[in-house]
């Protein structure tokens, strides 16, 4: 296949491939770093947690909420906006601000509201304006240094957030799960690397199948945020339109939308990717995935089922995140686009700054 013969260095001058390959190293370093960071005991004495962020930073909040949804004793709400919800106020609320750059305007605005409302504060960032803002208000900052686009630092952001969750009592000890995830990712990374030929490299094969299609990624429960991650990686790395849906909700609406427009469906320009956990998906959702796959194939809609690997929830999340990152990278290579620049986002930021 042509993906075996591409000049990757020429098409990827800023080395997005290197960031994807470094995902397990990021997670390992962040997990260790989280154990050394300050965390006053009173931060755990809250009734609710609000995680603020946007884009490549916010996804870590979604992943954590999905990971601990069945065990966490406190509600976790992920806020992607300028304004906090009304309940995010007072010392019984912990607001965690995630911003790789520390300059995300929506997160800064939400952080200021949290300060004004007397919430407890924790920020995870490389610095920017967010760090001094939180520190001057008496909050805690976990800073780290990793020069990359925000989406390429997920191992750091999620690893630090996981460490914070354990120390805050939002999650049980995750050390075994982190160790399993690292071992799994390092082994799979060799299979999905650019030097691995398509006949044994599923990431290249799936990218080739998605080429010239509009991908829609499905996931249930703790894999729904992984489906979102696939969608955003397709957007930013491959510069292509993509969408995600959550099971079982999609069975009550999206599954009907497979007939029109006829031109799109008849030419197989629409493709479903189902992210499935054989062990942790609700039994009824496993049945829904299987039944829906059959329905789609009968309707002639191209469908790819990707099963998560690993013994733990965290390992299955990280396995599918890593795989999706590689697929998005190979799709960028197939489209012959540089995966790193995000020109429309930068232009929007310029226009917002001028306004």
Foldseek 3Di string as FASTA:
>chain_A
DCLLVFPLCVLAVVPLVVLLLCLLVLLVVQLVLLVVFDDDLLLLQAQAEEEEDDDLLQLLQLLLCLQLVPPFNHYYHYDYFQADPPVLAAANYEYEYEDAAQPDNSSVNHLVVSLVRHYAYEYEYQDHPNVVVQVVSVHGYRHDDDDAPSNSSNSNSNSNVVSVCCVSVRDPDCVVVSVQLSVVSNVLSVQQRSNHDPVRHVLLVVLVVLAQAAEEEEEERSCQSVSVLLQSLLCQQQVDHYYYDYPPVCVVPVLVPQPPPVVRNVVQRYEYEYEDEPPPDDPVRVVVVVVSVVVCVVVVHHYHYDYFDDDGSSSSSSRSNSSSNSNSNSNNVVVSHHRGDDVVVVVVVVVVVVD
